[in-house]
Structures are given as structure tokens and as C-alpha cells.
Amino acid sequence: MRRRMPLVLALAALLPACAGVSDLGKAPAPFTGAEGAAVRKKADAAVDAKKFGDAWNLEAQSGTDRARLEAVALASLEADEGPYEGMFEQLRKKFGGLSPEGRVRVTALSGKEMGVKHWTRAADIELAAADAPPEYPGAWAVYEKTPPDEALAVLVAIRKAKQAHDPAPAAEKPK
């Protein structure tokens, strides 16, 4: 048993990294002195290393600074890496969605993708960062600008997001 204890402890230490994004509804224990600043510094380093899930979880432990949490989620979205869907879900739960500044950045990101004719990626950005699913006005704005030959892929992405958010009950089969 003693030989296995280091392995068990190592595996237990990995569990939080596998657990996804931290829930912002649970208040973290407060830090004293410079501890909070040290945690935020490490969160910044995680963003720089593109370890967005780690950055989010560290930032969530240092408090619920909306601007910093949004910055992590938006960096993850822009890089198209990490669990940004869960981050935006937590931002919706805690703050009701993005700040006006965050919304401007999302619009800029999707606009950049539309500028290089990546219509589905532009819609995906708007879908992930939507403030009030399943309405998705940003994704529909992308759809309106999408050329007809690319429109079906964007429409399918919007419909999948709507169904994932609010799956309709299966139609009853006739007997």
C-alpha cells in the first residue's frame, strides 16, 4: 500500500485538471496578503502557455473578476482551444453574459473570420459566446452575410446549437 500511495496522490492531483471549468457559483476561500496576486500571475502564465482550462480554474480560485474571466474565455475562443464553451456557460450563469467590451471583442473575432470567408467558424464564435441561447442573434447575423453556397453549413451549426441548448421532445410515435 505504501508503494502505491505516491501514485494515488499523483492521480488525485490530476483530477481537477480533468474536471473542466470551475463553477463560478461556488465562492472560493479568500486569499491573504499577496496570495491572490500570485495565483493571478500563474493564471496569466497559463494563458500565455495556451493552457486555457488551467488559466480559468486558477482565475476562478482568485475571485470572480469578470474582466479577467472574460479575457481567459475570449483568449480560448480566439485560439479555438480549451473548454471555452464551459467558460461562456459559467459567464452566462454568473453575470448574465458578456460585458459590452466582451461582446465587441466577440463581434470583432467573428468579423475577422468572415473577412477571410470562414463563415462556419464565424458562426461558431457567435454561438459559443451567445448571451441568451437559443436566440443566437450574432450567429444569425453571420448567416445573413454568408454566401448561398456556404449558408447550409452555417444553418446546420445554428440548428445544432439550438437543439443542444433546448432539445425538443421526441415526437410520439403512432401506436
N, C-alpha and C. Protein backbone atom coordinates (compact mmCIF):
# COMPACT_ATOMS: atom_id res chain seq x y z
N MET A 1 0.82 -1.19 0.00
CA MET A 1 0.00 0.00 0.00
C MET A 1 0.87 1.25 0.00
N ARG A 2 1.96 1.23 0.76
CA ARG A 2 2.83 2.41 0.81
C ARG A 2 3.46 2.70 -0.55
N ARG A 3 3.72 1.67 -1.33
CA ARG A 3 4.30 1.87 -2.65
C ARG A 3 3.31 2.56 -3.59
N ARG A 4 2.05 2.30 -3.41
CA ARG A 4 1.02 2.86 -4.28
C ARG A 4 0.61 4.27 -3.88
N MET A 5 0.91 4.67 -2.67
CA MET A 5 0.45 5.97 -2.18
C MET A 5 0.93 7.13 -3.05
N PRO A 6 2.20 7.20 -3.48
CA PRO A 6 2.59 8.31 -4.35
C PRO A 6 1.81 8.33 -5.66
N LEU A 7 1.53 7.15 -6.20
CA LEU A 7 0.75 7.08 -7.43
C LEU A 7 -0.67 7.58 -7.20
N VAL A 8 -1.27 7.16 -6.11
CA VAL A 8 -2.63 7.60 -5.78
C VAL A 8 -2.67 9.11 -5.60
N LEU A 9 -1.69 9.66 -4.90
CA LEU A 9 -1.64 11.11 -4.70
C LEU A 9 -1.43 11.85 -6.01
N ALA A 10 -0.59 11.31 -6.87
CA ALA A 10 -0.36 11.95 -8.18
C ALA A 10 -1.63 11.95 -9.02
N LEU A 11 -2.35 10.84 -9.02
CA LEU A 11 -3.60 10.77 -9.77
C LEU A 11 -4.65 11.71 -9.18
N ALA A 12 -4.71 11.81 -7.89
CA ALA A 12 -5.65 12.71 -7.25
C ALA A 12 -5.34 14.16 -7.60
N ALA A 13 -4.09 14.49 -7.75
CA ALA A 13 -3.70 15.85 -8.12
C ALA A 13 -4.12 16.18 -9.55
N LEU A 14 -4.23 15.17 -10.41
CA LEU A 14 -4.62 15.40 -11.80
C LEU A 14 -6.12 15.57 -11.97
N LEU A 15 -6.92 15.11 -11.06
CA LEU A 15 -8.37 15.16 -11.20
C LEU A 15 -8.92 16.56 -11.46
N PRO A 16 -8.50 17.60 -10.73
CA PRO A 16 -9.05 18.92 -11.03
C PRO A 16 -8.79 19.36 -12.46
N ALA A 17 -7.66 18.99 -13.03
CA ALA A 17 -7.35 19.38 -14.40
C ALA A 17 -8.29 18.69 -15.39
N CYS A 18 -8.83 17.53 -15.04
CA CYS A 18 -9.72 16.80 -15.91
C CYS A 18 -11.18 17.18 -15.69
N ALA A 19 -11.46 17.93 -14.67
CA ALA A 19 -12.82 18.19 -14.27
C ALA A 19 -13.50 19.29 -15.08
N GLY A 20 -12.83 19.93 -16.02
CA GLY A 20 -13.44 21.00 -16.80
C GLY A 20 -13.23 22.34 -16.12
N VAL A 21 -14.15 23.25 -16.40
CA VAL A 21 -14.01 24.60 -15.86
C VAL A 21 -14.66 24.72 -14.49
N SER A 22 -14.07 25.53 -13.66
CA SER A 22 -14.60 25.75 -12.31
C SER A 22 -15.95 26.45 -12.37
N ASP A 23 -16.82 26.05 -11.47
CA ASP A 23 -18.14 26.63 -11.33
C ASP A 23 -18.00 27.96 -10.60
N LEU A 24 -18.48 29.04 -11.22
CA LEU A 24 -18.37 30.36 -10.60
C LEU A 24 -19.42 30.59 -9.51
N GLY A 25 -20.35 29.66 -9.38
CA GLY A 25 -21.36 29.79 -8.34
C GLY A 25 -20.85 29.46 -6.96
N LYS A 26 -19.70 28.84 -6.89
CA LYS A 26 -19.11 28.47 -5.60
C LYS A 26 -18.02 29.48 -5.26
N ALA A 27 -18.21 30.19 -4.18
CA ALA A 27 -17.24 31.22 -3.78
C ALA A 27 -15.96 30.57 -3.28
N PRO A 28 -14.82 30.99 -3.82
CA PRO A 28 -13.56 30.42 -3.34
C PRO A 28 -13.19 31.00 -1.98
N ALA A 29 -12.37 30.27 -1.25
CA ALA A 29 -11.88 30.78 0.03
C ALA A 29 -10.99 31.99 -0.24
N PRO A 30 -11.09 33.03 0.56
CA PRO A 30 -10.29 34.23 0.29
C PRO A 30 -8.80 33.99 0.55
N PHE A 31 -7.98 34.69 -0.21
CA PHE A 31 -6.54 34.65 -0.02
C PHE A 31 -6.13 35.78 0.91
N THR A 32 -4.98 35.63 1.50
CA THR A 32 -4.44 36.69 2.35
C THR A 32 -3.18 37.24 1.71
N GLY A 33 -2.91 38.48 1.99
CA GLY A 33 -1.67 39.11 1.51
C GLY A 33 -1.54 39.04 0.00
N ALA A 34 -0.39 38.61 -0.45
CA ALA A 34 -0.06 38.58 -1.87
C ALA A 34 -0.45 37.27 -2.54
N GLU A 35 -1.16 36.39 -1.83
CA GLU A 35 -1.51 35.09 -2.41
C GLU A 35 -2.35 35.24 -3.67
N GLY A 36 -3.36 36.11 -3.63
CA GLY A 36 -4.23 36.31 -4.79
C GLY A 36 -3.46 36.78 -6.02
N ALA A 37 -2.53 37.70 -5.80
CA ALA A 37 -1.70 38.20 -6.91
C ALA A 37 -0.83 37.09 -7.48
N ALA A 38 -0.34 36.21 -6.63
CA ALA A 38 0.50 35.10 -7.09
C ALA A 38 -0.33 34.14 -7.95
N VAL A 39 -1.57 33.89 -7.53
CA VAL A 39 -2.44 33.00 -8.29
C VAL A 39 -2.78 33.63 -9.64
N ARG A 40 -3.06 34.92 -9.65
CA ARG A 40 -3.38 35.61 -10.92
C ARG A 40 -2.17 35.62 -11.85
N LYS A 41 -0.99 35.76 -11.29
CA LYS A 41 0.23 35.73 -12.11
C LYS A 41 0.37 34.37 -12.77
N LYS A 42 0.06 33.32 -12.02
CA LYS A 42 0.13 31.97 -12.58
C LYS A 42 -0.98 31.77 -13.62
N ALA A 43 -2.14 32.37 -13.42
CA ALA A 43 -3.22 32.30 -14.42
C ALA A 43 -2.79 32.98 -15.71
N ASP A 44 -2.13 34.12 -15.60
CA ASP A 44 -1.61 34.82 -16.78
C ASP A 44 -0.60 33.95 -17.52
N ALA A 45 0.26 33.27 -16.78
CA ALA A 45 1.25 32.38 -17.39
C ALA A 45 0.56 31.23 -18.11
N ALA A 46 -0.52 30.73 -17.54
CA ALA A 46 -1.27 29.64 -18.17
C ALA A 46 -1.90 30.11 -19.49
N VAL A 47 -2.42 31.34 -19.52
CA VAL A 47 -2.96 31.89 -20.77
C VAL A 47 -1.85 31.98 -21.81
N ASP A 48 -0.71 32.50 -21.41
CA ASP A 48 0.43 32.62 -22.34
C ASP A 48 0.86 31.27 -22.89
N ALA A 49 0.72 30.22 -22.07
CA ALA A 49 1.09 28.87 -22.49
C ALA A 49 -0.07 28.15 -23.21
N LYS A 50 -1.18 28.85 -23.40
CA LYS A 50 -2.39 28.31 -24.04
C LYS A 50 -2.97 27.14 -23.25
N LYS A 51 -2.84 27.19 -21.95
CA LYS A 51 -3.45 26.22 -21.04
C LYS A 51 -4.71 26.90 -20.48
N PHE A 52 -5.70 27.08 -21.35
CA PHE A 52 -6.84 27.92 -21.01
C PHE A 52 -7.72 27.35 -19.90
N GLY A 53 -7.89 26.05 -19.85
CA GLY A 53 -8.65 25.45 -18.76
C GLY A 53 -7.99 25.69 -17.42
N ASP A 54 -6.68 25.53 -17.38
CA ASP A 54 -5.93 25.81 -16.14
C ASP A 54 -6.03 27.28 -15.77
N ALA A 55 -5.90 28.15 -16.77
CA ALA A 55 -5.98 29.59 -16.51
C ALA A 55 -7.34 29.96 -15.92
N TRP A 56 -8.41 29.41 -16.48
CA TRP A 56 -9.76 29.68 -15.98
C TRP A 56 -9.89 29.22 -14.52
N ASN A 57 -9.46 27.99 -14.27
CA ASN A 57 -9.62 27.44 -12.93
C ASN A 57 -8.80 28.21 -11.90
N LEU A 58 -7.61 28.65 -12.28
CA LEU A 58 -6.81 29.48 -11.37
C LEU A 58 -7.48 30.82 -11.14
N GLU A 59 -7.95 31.42 -12.20
CA GLU A 59 -8.62 32.73 -12.09
C GLU A 59 -9.88 32.62 -11.24
N ALA A 60 -10.62 31.55 -11.40
CA ALA A 60 -11.84 31.35 -10.61
C ALA A 60 -11.50 31.20 -9.12
N GLN A 61 -10.34 30.64 -8.82
CA GLN A 61 -9.92 30.50 -7.43
C GLN A 61 -9.50 31.83 -6.82
N SER A 62 -9.09 32.76 -7.66
CA SER A 62 -8.63 34.04 -7.11
C SER A 62 -9.76 35.06 -7.03
N GLY A 63 -10.96 34.66 -7.34
CA GLY A 63 -12.10 35.56 -7.22
C GLY A 63 -12.92 35.53 -8.50
N THR A 64 -13.92 36.37 -8.56
CA THR A 64 -14.77 36.39 -9.74
C THR A 64 -14.65 37.74 -10.43
N ASP A 65 -13.45 38.08 -10.83
CA ASP A 65 -13.21 39.30 -11.59
C ASP A 65 -13.69 39.06 -13.02
N ARG A 66 -14.82 39.67 -13.35
CA ARG A 66 -15.45 39.43 -14.65
C ARG A 66 -14.51 39.71 -15.81
N ALA A 67 -13.81 40.81 -15.77
CA ALA A 67 -12.92 41.17 -16.88
C ALA A 67 -11.84 40.13 -17.09
N ARG A 68 -11.26 39.64 -16.01
CA ARG A 68 -10.19 38.64 -16.14
C ARG A 68 -10.74 37.31 -16.62
N LEU A 69 -11.90 36.91 -16.11
CA LEU A 69 -12.52 35.66 -16.55
C LEU A 69 -12.91 35.75 -18.03
N GLU A 70 -13.48 36.88 -18.44
CA GLU A 70 -13.82 37.07 -19.85
C GLU A 70 -12.57 37.01 -20.71
N ALA A 71 -11.49 37.62 -20.24
CA ALA A 71 -10.25 37.62 -21.02
C ALA A 71 -9.75 36.20 -21.28
N VAL A 72 -9.85 35.35 -20.28
CA VAL A 72 -9.43 33.95 -20.44
C VAL A 72 -10.35 33.25 -21.45
N ALA A 73 -11.65 33.41 -21.29
CA ALA A 73 -12.61 32.76 -22.19
C ALA A 73 -12.42 33.25 -23.62
N LEU A 74 -12.21 34.53 -23.79
CA LEU A 74 -12.04 35.08 -25.13
C LEU A 74 -10.72 34.65 -25.77
N ALA A 75 -9.67 34.55 -24.97
CA ALA A 75 -8.39 34.06 -25.49
C ALA A 75 -8.54 32.61 -25.93
N SER A 76 -9.26 31.82 -25.17
CA SER A 76 -9.50 30.42 -25.52
C SER A 76 -10.32 30.33 -26.81
N LEU A 77 -11.35 31.16 -26.92
CA LEU A 77 -12.19 31.19 -28.11
C LEU A 77 -11.39 31.61 -29.33
N GLU A 78 -10.59 32.66 -29.18
CA GLU A 78 -9.80 33.15 -30.31
C GLU A 78 -8.80 32.10 -30.79
N ALA A 79 -8.20 31.39 -29.86
CA ALA A 79 -7.24 30.34 -30.21
C ALA A 79 -7.94 29.06 -30.68
N ASP A 80 -9.25 28.99 -30.45
CA ASP A 80 -10.04 27.80 -30.76
C ASP A 80 -9.46 26.57 -30.06
N GLU A 81 -9.08 26.80 -28.80
CA GLU A 81 -8.52 25.75 -27.95
C GLU A 81 -9.10 25.86 -26.55
N GLY A 82 -9.18 24.75 -25.89
CA GLY A 82 -9.62 24.76 -24.50
C GLY A 82 -11.13 24.69 -24.37
N PRO A 83 -11.60 24.62 -23.16
CA PRO A 83 -13.04 24.43 -22.91
C PRO A 83 -13.82 25.74 -22.87
N TYR A 84 -13.72 26.56 -23.93
CA TYR A 84 -14.36 27.86 -23.91
C TYR A 84 -15.88 27.79 -23.81
N GLU A 85 -16.50 26.71 -24.32
CA GLU A 85 -17.96 26.60 -24.21
C GLU A 85 -18.39 26.61 -22.75
N GLY A 86 -17.68 25.85 -21.92
CA GLY A 86 -17.99 25.82 -20.49
C GLY A 86 -17.71 27.15 -19.81
N MET A 87 -16.69 27.84 -20.27
CA MET A 87 -16.36 29.15 -19.71
C MET A 87 -17.49 30.14 -19.97
N PHE A 88 -17.97 30.16 -21.22
CA PHE A 88 -19.06 31.09 -21.55
C PHE A 88 -20.34 30.71 -20.82
N GLU A 89 -20.56 29.43 -20.63
CA GLU A 89 -21.73 28.99 -19.86
C GLU A 89 -21.65 29.53 -18.42
N GLN A 90 -20.48 29.46 -17.82
CA GLN A 90 -20.31 29.97 -16.47
C GLN A 90 -20.46 31.49 -16.43
N LEU A 91 -19.97 32.19 -17.45
CA LEU A 91 -20.14 33.65 -17.51
C LEU A 91 -21.62 34.01 -17.63
N ARG A 92 -22.37 33.23 -18.40
CA ARG A 92 -23.82 33.48 -18.50
C ARG A 92 -24.50 33.27 -17.16
N LYS A 93 -24.13 32.19 -16.47
CA LYS A 93 -24.75 31.91 -15.17
C LYS A 93 -24.42 32.98 -14.14
N LYS A 94 -23.17 33.39 -14.08
CA LYS A 94 -22.72 34.32 -13.04
C LYS A 94 -23.09 35.77 -13.35
N PHE A 95 -22.89 36.19 -14.61
CA PHE A 95 -23.03 37.60 -14.96
C PHE A 95 -24.13 37.89 -15.97
N GLY A 96 -24.81 36.86 -16.44
CA GLY A 96 -25.85 37.07 -17.44
C GLY A 96 -25.30 37.22 -18.85
N GLY A 97 -24.04 36.95 -19.04
CA GLY A 97 -23.42 37.05 -20.36
C GLY A 97 -22.18 37.90 -20.33
N LEU A 98 -21.76 38.33 -21.48
CA LEU A 98 -20.54 39.13 -21.60
C LEU A 98 -20.81 40.60 -21.31
N SER A 99 -19.75 41.28 -20.93
CA SER A 99 -19.81 42.73 -20.78
C SER A 99 -19.89 43.35 -22.18
N PRO A 100 -20.26 44.62 -22.29
CA PRO A 100 -20.25 45.26 -23.61
C PRO A 100 -18.89 45.17 -24.30
N GLU A 101 -17.81 45.29 -23.53
CA GLU A 101 -16.47 45.18 -24.11
C GLU A 101 -16.21 43.77 -24.63
N GLY A 102 -16.66 42.77 -23.89
CA GLY A 102 -16.51 41.39 -24.33
C GLY A 102 -17.31 41.11 -25.59
N ARG A 103 -18.51 41.66 -25.64
CA ARG A 103 -19.37 41.48 -26.82
C ARG A 103 -18.71 42.11 -28.05
N VAL A 104 -18.09 43.28 -27.89
CA VAL A 104 -17.39 43.93 -29.00
C VAL A 104 -16.26 43.04 -29.50
N ARG A 105 -15.54 42.43 -28.58
CA ARG A 105 -14.42 41.56 -28.98
C ARG A 105 -14.92 40.32 -29.73
N VAL A 106 -16.04 39.75 -29.30
CA VAL A 106 -16.62 38.60 -30.00
C VAL A 106 -17.02 39.00 -31.41
N THR A 107 -17.66 40.15 -31.54
CA THR A 107 -18.06 40.63 -32.86
C THR A 107 -16.84 40.85 -33.75
N ALA A 108 -15.77 41.36 -33.17
CA ALA A 108 -14.53 41.56 -33.94
C ALA A 108 -13.94 40.21 -34.37
N LEU A 109 -13.95 39.23 -33.46
CA LEU A 109 -13.42 37.90 -33.81
C LEU A 109 -14.23 37.25 -34.93
N SER A 110 -15.55 37.31 -34.83
CA SER A 110 -16.36 36.71 -35.88
C SER A 110 -16.23 37.50 -37.18
N GLY A 111 -16.09 38.82 -37.08
CA GLY A 111 -15.88 39.64 -38.27
C GLY A 111 -14.57 39.31 -38.97
N LYS A 112 -13.55 39.05 -38.18
CA LYS A 112 -12.25 38.66 -38.74
C LYS A 112 -12.38 37.36 -39.52
N GLU A 113 -13.12 36.41 -38.97
CA GLU A 113 -13.32 35.13 -39.66
C GLU A 113 -14.17 35.30 -40.92
N MET A 114 -15.17 36.17 -40.86
CA MET A 114 -15.97 36.42 -42.06
C MET A 114 -15.10 37.10 -43.12
N GLY A 115 -14.18 37.95 -42.71
CA GLY A 115 -13.30 38.64 -43.64
C GLY A 115 -12.44 37.69 -44.46
N VAL A 116 -12.14 36.53 -43.91
CA VAL A 116 -11.36 35.53 -44.65
C VAL A 116 -12.26 34.38 -45.12
N LYS A 117 -13.56 34.65 -45.11
CA LYS A 117 -14.57 33.72 -45.63
C LYS A 117 -14.65 32.39 -44.87
N HIS A 118 -14.39 32.44 -43.56
CA HIS A 118 -14.57 31.27 -42.69
C HIS A 118 -15.92 31.43 -42.00
N TRP A 119 -16.97 31.22 -42.77
CA TRP A 119 -18.33 31.51 -42.31
C TRP A 119 -18.76 30.63 -41.14
N THR A 120 -18.48 29.35 -41.21
CA THR A 120 -18.89 28.46 -40.13
C THR A 120 -18.13 28.77 -38.86
N ARG A 121 -16.86 29.06 -38.96
CA ARG A 121 -16.08 29.43 -37.77
C ARG A 121 -16.63 30.72 -37.17
N ALA A 122 -16.99 31.68 -38.00
CA ALA A 122 -17.58 32.93 -37.51
C ALA A 122 -18.88 32.65 -36.75
N ALA A 123 -19.70 31.78 -37.30
CA ALA A 123 -20.95 31.42 -36.61
C ALA A 123 -20.65 30.68 -35.32
N ASP A 124 -19.67 29.78 -35.34
CA ASP A 124 -19.31 29.04 -34.13
C ASP A 124 -18.86 29.99 -33.01
N ILE A 125 -18.13 31.02 -33.37
CA ILE A 125 -17.71 32.02 -32.38
C ILE A 125 -18.92 32.68 -31.74
N GLU A 126 -19.86 33.10 -32.57
CA GLU A 126 -21.08 33.75 -32.06
C GLU A 126 -21.94 32.78 -31.25
N LEU A 127 -21.99 31.53 -31.66
CA LEU A 127 -22.77 30.53 -30.93
C LEU A 127 -22.17 30.27 -29.55
N ALA A 128 -20.86 30.10 -29.49
CA ALA A 128 -20.20 29.80 -28.22
C ALA A 128 -20.35 30.94 -27.22
N ALA A 129 -20.30 32.17 -27.72
CA ALA A 129 -20.30 33.34 -26.82
C ALA A 129 -21.66 34.00 -26.70
N ALA A 130 -22.70 33.34 -27.16
CA ALA A 130 -24.05 33.93 -27.11
C ALA A 130 -24.47 34.22 -25.67
N ASP A 131 -25.09 35.37 -25.48
CA ASP A 131 -25.55 35.75 -24.14
C ASP A 131 -26.87 35.10 -23.77
N ALA A 132 -27.70 34.82 -24.76
CA ALA A 132 -29.03 34.29 -24.46
C ALA A 132 -29.41 33.15 -25.40
N PRO A 133 -28.71 32.01 -25.26
CA PRO A 133 -29.13 30.89 -26.09
C PRO A 133 -30.56 30.50 -25.73
N PRO A 134 -31.35 30.06 -26.63
CA PRO A 134 -31.07 29.66 -28.00
C PRO A 134 -31.42 30.71 -29.06
N GLU A 135 -31.39 31.97 -28.72
CA GLU A 135 -31.73 33.01 -29.69
C GLU A 135 -30.64 33.20 -30.75
N TYR A 136 -29.40 33.33 -30.35
CA TYR A 136 -28.24 33.43 -31.23
C TYR A 136 -28.30 34.53 -32.28
N PRO A 137 -28.56 35.76 -31.89
CA PRO A 137 -28.62 36.84 -32.89
C PRO A 137 -27.30 37.05 -33.63
N GLY A 138 -26.18 36.87 -32.96
CA GLY A 138 -24.89 37.04 -33.62
C GLY A 138 -24.67 36.01 -34.71
N ALA A 139 -25.06 34.76 -34.44
CA ALA A 139 -24.91 33.70 -35.44
C ALA A 139 -25.84 33.94 -36.62
N TRP A 140 -27.05 34.44 -36.33
CA TRP A 140 -27.96 34.76 -37.43
C TRP A 140 -27.45 35.94 -38.25
N ALA A 141 -26.76 36.86 -37.61
CA ALA A 141 -26.15 37.97 -38.36
C ALA A 141 -25.07 37.44 -39.30
N VAL A 142 -24.30 36.45 -38.84
CA VAL A 142 -23.31 35.81 -39.72
C VAL A 142 -24.03 35.12 -40.87
N TYR A 143 -25.09 34.41 -40.56
CA TYR A 143 -25.85 33.70 -41.60
C TYR A 143 -26.33 34.66 -42.68
N GLU A 144 -26.82 35.82 -42.27
CA GLU A 144 -27.32 36.82 -43.23
C GLU A 144 -26.24 37.26 -44.20
N LYS A 145 -25.00 37.28 -43.77
CA LYS A 145 -23.88 37.73 -44.60
C LYS A 145 -23.22 36.59 -45.38
N THR A 146 -23.58 35.37 -45.04
CA THR A 146 -22.96 34.19 -45.65
C THR A 146 -23.45 34.02 -47.10
N PRO A 147 -22.52 33.73 -48.02
CA PRO A 147 -22.93 33.47 -49.40
C PRO A 147 -23.80 32.21 -49.46
N PRO A 148 -24.70 32.14 -50.44
CA PRO A 148 -25.62 30.99 -50.53
C PRO A 148 -24.93 29.63 -50.55
N ASP A 149 -23.79 29.52 -51.20
CA ASP A 149 -23.13 28.22 -51.28
C ASP A 149 -22.51 27.77 -49.96
N GLU A 150 -22.41 28.66 -48.97
CA GLU A 150 -21.86 28.33 -47.65
C GLU A 150 -22.94 28.34 -46.57
N ALA A 151 -24.14 28.79 -46.93
CA ALA A 151 -25.20 29.03 -45.95
C ALA A 151 -25.68 27.77 -45.24
N LEU A 152 -25.72 26.66 -45.94
CA LEU A 152 -26.24 25.44 -45.32
C LEU A 152 -25.39 25.02 -44.13
N ALA A 153 -24.07 25.10 -44.24
CA ALA A 153 -23.20 24.72 -43.13
C ALA A 153 -23.43 25.62 -41.91
N VAL A 154 -23.63 26.90 -42.15
CA VAL A 154 -23.89 27.83 -41.04
C VAL A 154 -25.25 27.54 -40.42
N LEU A 155 -26.24 27.31 -41.26
CA LEU A 155 -27.58 26.98 -40.77
C LEU A 155 -27.56 25.71 -39.93
N VAL A 156 -26.85 24.70 -40.37
CA VAL A 156 -26.75 23.45 -39.61
C VAL A 156 -26.09 23.69 -38.26
N ALA A 157 -25.06 24.52 -38.22
CA ALA A 157 -24.39 24.84 -36.95
C ALA A 157 -25.36 25.52 -35.99
N ILE A 158 -26.14 26.46 -36.50
CA ILE A 158 -27.11 27.16 -35.65
C ILE A 158 -28.17 26.18 -35.14
N ARG A 159 -28.68 25.35 -36.02
CA ARG A 159 -29.71 24.38 -35.60
C ARG A 159 -29.18 23.39 -34.58
N LYS A 160 -27.94 22.93 -34.77
CA LYS A 160 -27.34 22.01 -33.79
C LYS A 160 -27.21 22.68 -32.43
N ALA A 161 -26.79 23.95 -32.43
CA ALA A 161 -26.66 24.67 -31.16
C ALA A 161 -28.01 24.84 -30.49
N LYS A 162 -29.03 25.17 -31.26
CA LYS A 162 -30.38 25.32 -30.70
C LYS A 162 -30.87 24.01 -30.10
N GLN A 163 -30.64 22.92 -30.83
CA GLN A 163 -31.08 21.62 -30.34
C GLN A 163 -30.30 21.20 -29.10
N ALA A 164 -29.01 21.48 -29.06
CA ALA A 164 -28.20 21.13 -27.90
C ALA A 164 -28.62 21.92 -26.67
N HIS A 165 -29.03 23.16 -26.90
CA HIS A 165 -29.43 24.00 -25.77
C HIS A 165 -30.82 23.66 -25.28
N ASP A 166 -31.73 23.41 -26.19
CA ASP A 166 -33.13 23.17 -25.83
C ASP A 166 -33.68 22.05 -26.69
N PRO A 167 -33.26 20.81 -26.41
CA PRO A 167 -33.72 19.71 -27.26
C PRO A 167 -35.23 19.55 -27.18
N ALA A 168 -35.86 19.49 -28.34
CA ALA A 168 -37.31 19.32 -28.39
C ALA A 168 -37.64 17.89 -28.01
N PRO A 169 -38.76 17.70 -27.35
CA PRO A 169 -39.14 16.33 -27.01
C PRO A 169 -39.37 15.53 -28.29
N ALA A 170 -38.99 14.29 -28.23
CA ALA A 170 -39.17 13.42 -29.40
C ALA A 170 -40.66 13.28 -29.71
N ALA A 171 -40.96 13.31 -30.97
CA ALA A 171 -42.37 13.16 -31.38
C ALA A 171 -42.86 11.78 -30.98
N GLU A 172 -44.06 11.74 -30.50
CA GLU A 172 -44.63 10.45 -30.13
C GLU A 172 -44.91 9.64 -31.37
N LYS A 173 -44.53 8.40 -31.30
CA LYS A 173 -44.78 7.51 -32.44
C LYS A 173 -46.21 6.99 -32.38
N PRO A 174 -46.85 6.89 -33.55
CA PRO A 174 -48.21 6.33 -33.53
C PRO A 174 -48.18 4.87 -33.14
N LYS A 175 -49.22 4.45 -32.46
CA LYS A 175 -49.30 3.06 -31.99
C LYS A 175 -49.87 2.15 -33.04
